[in-house]
N, C-alpha and C. Protein backbone atom coordinates (compact mmCIF):
# COMPACT_ATOMS: atom_id res chain seq x y z
N UNK A 1 20.73 -17.00 13.17
CA UNK A 1 19.48 -17.28 14.02
C UNK A 1 17.33 -16.13 14.16
N UNK A 2 18.33 -14.83 14.24
CA UNK A 2 16.65 -13.81 13.07
C UNK A 2 15.81 -13.90 12.65
N UNK A 3 15.46 -15.08 11.30
CA UNK A 3 15.07 -16.14 10.80
C UNK A 3 13.74 -16.30 12.66
N UNK A 4 14.45 -16.64 13.43
CA UNK A 4 13.21 -17.30 14.30
C UNK A 4 12.35 -17.35 15.38
N UNK A 5 13.02 -15.70 15.34
CA UNK A 5 12.64 -15.54 16.47
C UNK A 5 11.46 -14.46 15.42
N UNK A 6 10.83 -13.33 16.20
CA UNK A 6 10.08 -12.67 15.48
C UNK A 6 11.04 -11.01 15.62
N UNK A 7 10.44 -10.96 15.50
CA UNK A 7 11.04 -8.72 15.17
C UNK A 7 10.47 -8.37 15.75
N UNK A 8 10.26 -7.28 15.54
CA UNK A 8 9.55 -6.45 16.45
C UNK A 8 8.16 -5.04 15.51
N UNK A 9 9.80 -5.43 14.36
CA UNK A 9 9.47 -3.98 13.27
C UNK A 9 8.66 -5.10 11.82
N UNK A 10 9.09 -6.61 11.73
CA UNK A 10 7.91 -7.56 10.95
C UNK A 10 6.39 -7.83 11.95
N UNK A 11 6.19 -7.67 13.33
CA UNK A 11 4.95 -7.85 13.57
C UNK A 11 4.34 -6.45 13.30
N UNK A 12 4.92 -5.45 13.78
CA UNK A 12 4.28 -3.67 13.92
C UNK A 12 3.83 -3.90 11.85
N UNK A 13 5.00 -4.17 11.31
CA UNK A 13 4.39 -4.32 9.61
C UNK A 13 2.92 -5.02 9.36
N UNK A 14 2.50 -5.78 9.65
CA UNK A 14 1.67 -6.24 10.60
C UNK A 14 0.98 -6.16 10.16
N UNK A 15 0.08 -5.79 11.42
CA UNK A 15 -0.50 -5.57 12.28
C UNK A 15 -0.69 -3.95 11.06
N UNK A 16 0.42 -3.30 10.84
CA UNK A 16 0.34 -2.33 10.22
C UNK A 16 -1.07 -2.13 9.07
N UNK A 17 -0.15 -3.29 8.39
CA UNK A 17 -1.41 -4.54 6.98
C UNK A 17 -3.01 -4.03 7.07
N UNK A 18 -2.98 -4.91 8.68
CA UNK A 18 -5.20 -5.58 9.22
C UNK A 18 -5.00 -4.40 9.01
N UNK A 19 -5.06 -3.47 10.18
CA UNK A 19 -4.85 -1.64 10.54
C UNK A 19 -5.57 -1.02 8.62
N UNK A 20 -5.10 -1.54 7.13
CA UNK A 20 -5.22 -0.31 7.21
C UNK A 20 -5.71 -0.35 6.37
N UNK A 21 -5.54 -1.61 5.46
CA UNK A 21 -6.93 -2.46 4.58
C UNK A 21 -7.90 -2.05 5.22
N UNK A 22 -7.78 -2.49 6.95
CA UNK A 22 -9.50 -2.08 7.53
C UNK A 22 -9.91 -0.72 7.57
N UNK A 23 -9.00 0.36 7.85
CA UNK A 23 -9.08 1.90 7.01
C UNK A 23 -9.86 1.94 5.84
N UNK A 24 -8.54 1.72 4.99
CA UNK A 24 -8.77 1.60 3.71
C UNK A 24 -10.62 1.73 2.74
N UNK A 25 -10.72 0.72 3.88
CA UNK A 25 -12.21 0.22 3.03
C UNK A 25 -13.05 1.24 3.37
N UNK A 26 -13.24 1.68 4.90
CA UNK A 26 -14.03 2.17 5.72
C UNK A 26 -15.54 3.08 4.93
N UNK A 27 -14.00 3.97 3.97
CA UNK A 27 -14.39 5.36 3.07
C UNK A 27 -14.86 4.65 1.43
N UNK A 28 -13.81 3.16 1.40
CA UNK A 28 -14.63 3.20 0.02
C UNK A 28 -15.86 2.54 0.11
N UNK A 29 -16.81 1.72 0.91
CA UNK A 29 -17.46 1.07 0.87
C UNK A 29 -19.49 1.65 0.38
N UNK A 30 -18.83 3.17 0.32
CA UNK A 30 -19.76 4.46 0.35
C UNK A 30 -20.18 4.65 -0.58
N UNK A 31 -18.82 4.21 -1.01
CA UNK A 31 -18.38 5.11 -2.88
C UNK A 31 -19.39 3.81 -3.88
N UNK A 32 -19.68 4.42 -4.55
CA UNK A 32 -20.69 3.29 -6.14
C UNK A 32 -19.50 3.73 -6.78
N UNK A 33 -20.47 3.37 -8.03
CA UNK A 33 -18.77 3.14 -9.16
C UNK A 33 -19.56 4.12 -10.64
N UNK A 34 -19.96 4.43 -10.04
CA UNK A 34 -20.54 5.81 -10.73
C UNK A 34 -21.87 5.98 -11.75
N UNK A 35 -21.80 7.29 -11.95
CA UNK A 35 -23.08 6.18 -13.58
C UNK A 35 -22.31 6.25 -15.24
N UNK A 36 -20.50 6.20 -15.12
CA UNK A 36 -20.24 5.66 -16.71
C UNK A 36 -18.92 4.74 -15.89
N UNK A 37 -19.38 3.78 -15.06
CA UNK A 37 -18.52 3.13 -15.25
C UNK A 37 -17.62 2.25 -16.37
N UNK A 38 -16.13 2.66 -16.20
CA UNK A 38 -16.46 1.71 -16.92
C UNK A 38 -15.30 -0.09 -16.81
N UNK A 39 -16.63 -1.19 -17.28
CA UNK A 39 -15.99 -2.51 -16.97
C UNK A 39 -14.73 -2.68 -18.41
N UNK A 40 -14.03 -2.17 -19.56
CA UNK A 40 -12.98 -2.98 -19.78
C UNK A 40 -11.63 -2.00 -19.28
N UNK A 41 -11.85 -2.03 -17.97
CA UNK A 41 -11.43 -1.45 -17.16
C UNK A 41 -10.67 -2.61 -15.73
N UNK A 42 -11.43 -3.23 -15.49
CA UNK A 42 -10.94 -4.30 -15.10
C UNK A 42 -10.06 -4.88 -14.78
N UNK A 43 -9.63 -5.01 -16.05
CA UNK A 43 -8.93 -6.25 -17.00
C UNK A 43 -7.71 -6.69 -15.50
N UNK A 44 -7.37 -5.33 -15.91
CA UNK A 44 -6.39 -4.59 -14.99
C UNK A 44 -6.25 -5.12 -13.52
N UNK A 45 -6.78 -5.51 -12.67
CA UNK A 45 -7.01 -5.66 -11.21
C UNK A 45 -6.94 -7.83 -11.08
N UNK A 46 -7.26 -8.09 -12.33
CA UNK A 46 -6.34 -9.30 -12.06
C UNK A 46 -4.20 -10.04 -12.02
N UNK A 47 -3.43 -9.07 -12.42
CA UNK A 47 -2.58 -8.99 -12.12
C UNK A 47 -2.06 -8.14 -10.87
N UNK A 48 -2.82 -7.10 -11.33
CA UNK A 48 -2.69 -6.72 -9.53
C UNK A 48 -2.25 -7.37 -8.45
N UNK A 49 -3.71 -8.43 -8.37
CA UNK A 49 -4.25 -9.06 -7.63
C UNK A 49 -2.50 -10.30 -7.25
N UNK A 50 -2.69 -11.22 -8.32
CA UNK A 50 -1.01 -11.77 -8.83
C UNK A 50 0.31 -10.78 -8.40
N UNK A 51 0.30 -9.90 -8.83
CA UNK A 51 1.49 -9.22 -8.31
C UNK A 51 2.00 -9.13 -7.08
N UNK A 52 0.04 -8.96 -6.23
CA UNK A 52 0.65 -7.73 -4.47
C UNK A 52 0.59 -9.65 -3.77
N UNK A 53 0.05 -10.71 -4.28
CA UNK A 53 0.23 -12.26 -3.69
C UNK A 53 1.74 -12.31 -3.78
N UNK A 54 2.32 -11.82 -5.22
CA UNK A 54 4.35 -12.59 -4.73
C UNK A 54 4.24 -11.43 -3.85
N UNK A 55 4.22 -10.17 -4.53
CA UNK A 55 5.17 -9.57 -3.42
C UNK A 55 4.87 -9.49 -1.70
N UNK A 56 3.26 -9.85 -1.38
CA UNK A 56 3.26 -9.87 -0.05
C UNK A 56 3.63 -11.85 0.60
N UNK A 57 4.42 -12.30 0.01
CA UNK A 57 4.98 -13.71 0.12
C UNK A 57 6.52 -13.33 0.31
N UNK A 58 6.02 -12.78 -0.78
CA UNK A 58 8.19 -13.31 -1.18
C UNK A 58 9.06 -12.62 0.38
N UNK A 59 9.40 -11.18 0.19
CA UNK A 59 10.37 -10.53 0.99
C UNK A 59 9.88 -10.79 2.98
N UNK A 60 8.67 -10.99 2.79
CA UNK A 60 8.93 -13.37 4.74
C UNK A 60 9.13 -13.88 3.93
N UNK A 61 9.43 -14.30 2.79
CA UNK A 61 10.11 -16.24 2.65
C UNK A 61 11.49 -16.07 2.48
N UNK A 62 11.94 -14.47 1.49
CA UNK A 62 13.37 -14.30 1.33
C UNK A 62 14.27 -14.71 2.23
N UNK A 63 13.34 -13.84 4.01
CA UNK A 63 13.98 -13.20 5.07
C UNK A 63 13.66 -14.52 5.60
N UNK A 64 12.75 -15.22 5.67
CA UNK A 64 12.97 -16.53 7.09
C UNK A 64 14.60 -17.28 5.10
N UNK A 65 14.56 -17.46 4.54
CA UNK A 65 15.43 -18.58 3.64
C UNK A 65 17.38 -17.49 4.28
N UNK A 66 16.85 -16.10 4.88
CA UNK A 66 18.09 -15.83 5.10
C UNK A 66 19.30 -15.33 3.34
N UNK A 67 18.23 -14.99 2.12
CA UNK A 67 18.26 -14.97 0.89
C UNK A 67 18.12 -13.34 0.12
N UNK A 68 19.10 -12.90 0.11
CA UNK A 68 18.66 -12.22 -1.02
C UNK A 68 18.17 -10.31 0.33
N UNK A 69 19.02 -10.50 1.33
CA UNK A 69 18.29 -9.58 2.45
C UNK A 69 19.59 -8.84 2.32
N UNK A 70 20.02 -8.01 3.42
CA UNK A 70 20.61 -6.29 4.13
C UNK A 70 20.71 -6.64 5.70
N UNK A 71 20.84 -6.42 5.60
CA UNK A 71 21.79 -7.17 6.96
C UNK A 71 21.24 -5.95 7.84
N UNK A 72 20.89 -6.40 8.57
CA UNK A 72 20.38 -4.17 10.28
C UNK A 72 19.36 -4.54 10.19
N UNK A 73 19.28 -4.69 12.05
CA UNK A 73 17.62 -3.56 12.37
C UNK A 73 17.54 -2.13 12.00
N UNK A 74 18.29 -1.49 11.79
CA UNK A 74 18.51 -0.05 10.88
C UNK A 74 17.19 0.22 9.70
N UNK A 75 17.43 -1.46 8.56
CA UNK A 75 16.65 -1.90 7.39
C UNK A 75 15.32 -2.09 7.74
N UNK A 76 14.89 -2.94 8.74
CA UNK A 76 13.27 -2.55 9.64
C UNK A 76 12.94 -1.69 9.81
N UNK A 77 13.81 -0.92 10.74
CA UNK A 77 13.05 -0.14 10.96
C UNK A 77 13.26 1.25 10.14
N UNK A 78 14.13 0.65 9.05
CA UNK A 78 13.36 1.92 8.14
C UNK A 78 12.57 2.03 7.35
N UNK A 79 12.05 0.88 7.17
CA UNK A 79 10.67 -0.10 6.40
C UNK A 79 9.41 0.32 6.81
N UNK A 80 9.45 -0.40 8.45
CA UNK A 80 8.51 0.10 9.41
C UNK A 80 7.93 0.98 9.08
N UNK A 81 8.95 2.31 10.04
CA UNK A 81 8.74 4.09 9.26
C UNK A 81 8.54 4.73 7.85
N UNK A 82 8.55 3.57 6.32
CA UNK A 82 8.64 4.05 5.56
C UNK A 82 6.25 3.94 5.05
N UNK A 83 6.80 2.39 5.90
CA UNK A 83 5.51 1.66 5.84
C UNK A 83 4.23 2.36 6.50
N UNK A 84 4.17 3.29 7.55
CA UNK A 84 3.07 3.79 8.25
C UNK A 84 3.04 4.60 7.50
N UNK A 85 4.55 5.57 7.33
CA UNK A 85 4.32 6.77 6.23
C UNK A 85 3.09 6.46 4.95
N UNK A 86 3.56 5.68 4.53
CA UNK A 86 3.40 5.47 3.21
C UNK A 86 1.69 4.50 3.51
N UNK A 87 1.22 3.85 4.53
CA UNK A 87 -0.43 3.90 4.88
C UNK A 87 -1.18 4.98 5.62
N UNK A 88 -0.14 5.26 5.89
CA UNK A 88 -0.80 6.58 5.95
C UNK A 88 -1.85 7.85 5.43
N UNK A 89 -0.57 8.05 4.11
CA UNK A 89 -0.95 8.64 2.54
C UNK A 89 -2.28 7.70 2.06
N UNK A 90 -2.26 6.91 1.63
CA UNK A 90 -2.24 6.23 1.01
C UNK A 90 -4.78 5.78 1.57
N UNK A 91 -4.11 5.63 3.28
CA UNK A 91 -5.65 5.76 3.53
C UNK A 91 -6.34 7.47 4.21
N UNK A 92 -4.91 8.26 4.37
CA UNK A 92 -5.36 10.44 4.06
C UNK A 92 -6.12 10.56 2.87
N UNK A 93 -5.40 9.55 1.91
CA UNK A 93 -6.39 10.56 0.62
C UNK A 93 -7.18 9.73 0.10
N UNK A 94 -7.39 8.54 0.93
CA UNK A 94 -8.71 8.26 0.46
C UNK A 94 -9.69 9.21 1.65
N UNK A 95 -9.85 9.11 2.35
CA UNK A 95 -11.11 9.97 2.81
C UNK A 95 -10.51 11.38 3.03
N UNK A 96 -9.86 11.25 2.50
CA UNK A 96 -9.37 13.29 1.77
C UNK A 96 -10.50 13.23 0.21
N UNK A 97 -10.87 11.70 -0.66
CA UNK A 97 -11.85 12.58 -2.25
C UNK A 97 -13.62 11.80 -1.03
N UNK A 98 -13.54 11.55 0.32
CA UNK A 98 -14.44 10.12 0.42
C UNK A 98 -15.55 10.09 -0.51
N UNK A 99 -16.66 10.40 -1.22
CA UNK A 99 -17.74 9.91 -1.27
C UNK A 99 -17.12 9.74 -3.12
N UNK A 100 -16.05 10.27 -3.29
CA UNK A 100 -15.45 10.71 -4.91
C UNK A 100 -14.11 9.27 -5.46
N UNK A 101 -13.81 8.96 -4.10
CA UNK A 101 -13.17 7.96 -4.09
C UNK A 101 -14.22 6.39 -4.47
N UNK A 102 -13.25 5.78 -5.43
CA UNK A 102 -12.51 5.03 -6.50
C UNK A 102 -12.05 4.39 -6.91
N UNK A 103 -12.24 2.44 -6.82
CA UNK A 103 -11.32 2.04 -7.18
C UNK A 103 -11.46 1.37 -8.28
N UNK A 104 -12.54 1.68 -9.15
CA UNK A 104 -12.72 2.15 -10.94
C UNK A 104 -12.35 3.40 -11.81
N UNK A 105 -12.48 3.19 -12.63
CA UNK A 105 -12.56 3.87 -13.35
C UNK A 105 -13.87 4.24 -13.88
N UNK A 106 -14.37 5.90 -13.50
CA UNK A 106 -16.18 6.48 -13.31
C UNK A 106 -16.40 8.25 -13.70
N UNK A 107 -16.60 7.99 -14.28
CA UNK A 107 -17.08 9.48 -13.99
C UNK A 107 -18.28 9.40 -13.75
N UNK A 108 -18.65 10.46 -12.02
CA UNK A 108 -19.17 10.78 -11.57
C UNK A 108 -19.93 12.17 -11.57
N UNK A 109 -21.09 12.30 -10.66
CA UNK A 109 -21.98 13.12 -11.81
C UNK A 109 -21.45 14.81 -10.57
N UNK A 110 -21.16 14.52 -9.94
CA UNK A 110 -20.02 15.32 -8.79
C UNK A 110 -18.60 16.03 -9.38
N UNK A 111 -18.23 15.10 -10.76
CA UNK A 111 -16.37 15.44 -10.24
C UNK A 111 -15.94 16.62 -10.38
N UNK A 112 -14.75 16.93 -9.17
CA UNK A 112 -14.16 17.79 -9.86
C UNK A 112 -12.54 17.79 -10.28
N UNK A 113 -11.79 18.86 -9.86
CA UNK A 113 -10.67 18.29 -9.58
C UNK A 113 -9.69 18.91 -8.54
N UNK A 114 -8.85 17.48 -8.06
CA UNK A 114 -8.59 17.80 -6.27
C UNK A 114 -7.34 18.39 -6.60
N UNK A 115 -6.83 19.91 -6.35
CA UNK A 115 -6.22 20.29 -6.17
C UNK A 115 -5.72 20.75 -4.84
N UNK A 116 -5.76 20.16 -3.70
CA UNK A 116 -5.95 20.53 -2.37
C UNK A 116 -4.89 19.09 -1.55
N UNK A 117 -5.15 19.88 -0.22
CA UNK A 117 -4.91 18.53 0.60
C UNK A 117 -3.79 18.24 0.06
N UNK A 118 -3.78 16.37 0.89
CA UNK A 118 -1.77 15.32 -1.00
C UNK A 118 -1.63 15.91 -2.28
N UNK A 119 -3.14 15.91 -2.94
CA UNK A 119 -2.97 16.93 -4.49
C UNK A 119 -2.58 18.05 -4.37
N UNK A 120 -2.55 18.64 -3.48
CA UNK A 120 -1.13 19.63 -4.36
C UNK A 120 -0.27 19.70 -4.49
N UNK A 121 0.22 18.43 -4.19
CA UNK A 121 2.20 18.04 -3.98
C UNK A 121 2.16 17.66 -5.35
N UNK A 122 1.09 15.80 -5.64
CA UNK A 122 0.90 14.56 -5.94
C UNK A 122 0.06 14.79 -6.41
N UNK A 123 0.24 14.31 -8.67
CA UNK A 123 -1.06 13.95 -8.22
C UNK A 123 -2.20 12.98 -8.12
N UNK A 124 -1.35 12.09 -7.98
CA UNK A 124 -2.49 10.39 -7.09
C UNK A 124 -1.15 10.55 -5.83
N UNK A 125 -1.40 10.62 -4.60
CA UNK A 125 -0.91 10.54 -3.74
C UNK A 125 -1.01 9.54 -3.42
N UNK A 126 -2.70 9.34 -3.61
CA UNK A 126 -3.69 7.24 -2.99
C UNK A 126 -1.72 5.62 -3.50
N UNK A 127 -1.77 5.76 -4.29
CA UNK A 127 -0.60 5.39 -5.80
C UNK A 127 0.52 6.12 -5.16
N UNK A 128 1.15 6.83 -4.85
CA UNK A 128 2.53 6.89 -4.55
C UNK A 128 2.45 6.57 -2.56
N UNK A 129 1.31 6.88 -1.42
CA UNK A 129 1.28 5.88 -0.23
C UNK A 129 1.14 3.93 -0.85
N UNK A 130 0.68 4.30 -1.53
CA UNK A 130 0.08 2.91 -1.71
C UNK A 130 1.78 1.55 -2.06
N UNK A 131 2.99 2.63 -3.22
CA UNK A 131 4.70 2.52 -3.25
C UNK A 131 5.85 2.60 -3.01
N UNK A 132 5.03 3.32 -1.36
CA UNK A 132 5.81 4.03 -0.36
C UNK A 132 5.40 1.96 0.72
N UNK A 133 4.47 1.66 1.02
CA UNK A 133 3.78 0.95 1.69
C UNK A 133 4.32 -0.04 1.62
N UNK A 134 4.11 -0.64 -0.12
CA UNK A 134 5.41 -1.91 -0.94
C UNK A 134 6.07 -1.48 -0.65
N UNK A 135 7.27 -0.96 -0.40
CA UNK A 135 8.84 -0.65 -0.73
C UNK A 135 9.09 -0.71 0.85
N UNK A 136 8.40 -0.36 1.98
CA UNK A 136 8.22 -0.99 3.89
C UNK A 136 8.38 -1.52 3.46
N UNK A 137 7.01 -2.39 3.26
CA UNK A 137 7.41 -3.76 3.46
C UNK A 137 8.69 -4.53 3.27
N UNK A 138 8.77 -4.59 2.05
CA UNK A 138 10.26 -5.05 1.13
C UNK A 138 11.61 -4.95 2.32
N UNK A 139 11.58 -3.78 2.60
CA UNK A 139 13.39 -3.69 3.44
C UNK A 139 12.93 -3.98 4.56
N UNK A 140 11.41 -3.86 5.47
CA UNK A 140 11.25 -5.00 7.20
C UNK A 140 11.11 -6.07 6.94
N UNK A 141 11.35 -7.29 5.68
CA UNK A 141 11.85 -8.39 5.48
C UNK A 141 13.66 -8.46 4.88
N UNK A 142 13.87 -7.13 5.12
CA UNK A 142 15.16 -6.76 4.76
C UNK A 142 16.19 -7.36 2.96
N UNK A 143 14.75 -7.65 2.80
CA UNK A 143 14.98 -8.34 1.06
C UNK A 143 15.25 -7.13 -0.18
N UNK A 144 16.15 -6.70 -0.48
CA UNK A 144 17.14 -6.41 -1.87
C UNK A 144 15.91 -5.63 -2.62
N UNK A 145 14.36 -5.87 -2.82
CA UNK A 145 13.74 -5.60 -4.09
C UNK A 145 13.19 -4.75 -3.63
N UNK A 146 12.77 -4.15 -1.73
CA UNK A 146 12.93 -3.26 -1.86
C UNK A 146 14.59 -1.59 -1.49
N UNK A 147 14.49 -1.89 -2.55
CA UNK A 147 15.80 -1.06 -2.41
C UNK A 147 16.54 -1.20 -3.70
N UNK A 148 16.67 0.22 -4.58
CA UNK A 148 16.57 1.12 -5.08
C UNK A 148 17.98 1.03 -5.61
């Protein structure tokens, strides 16, 4: 009957998702495309959007059906923590780049390689944060999709 009532980890991860999306777009709103924006690379957004929509829908749906799920509250809370860490890393790296952050492949006039902060340890910490958040999302909904 866990599917009928809300679970605190599920409620929390929804709040984190909305907060993370809001925070991610503030620094990005001030970013231009750059003088050498490569429009030929934009096609990748179509499959990424489709995958994101399916991934956002599938784990909660399977949780509701209690199909392809892992039992236990520990899985949900672990997923919540992983989502929070991943979201923090994602937002922090976007803020760390500031006006140099761009969702498009673009050469910017003041471009320089970032080698401090999160970039000291990982070449693409923003992607790492997104992957962690997605894996955590799946675990919050007890989905075996998020299990490695």
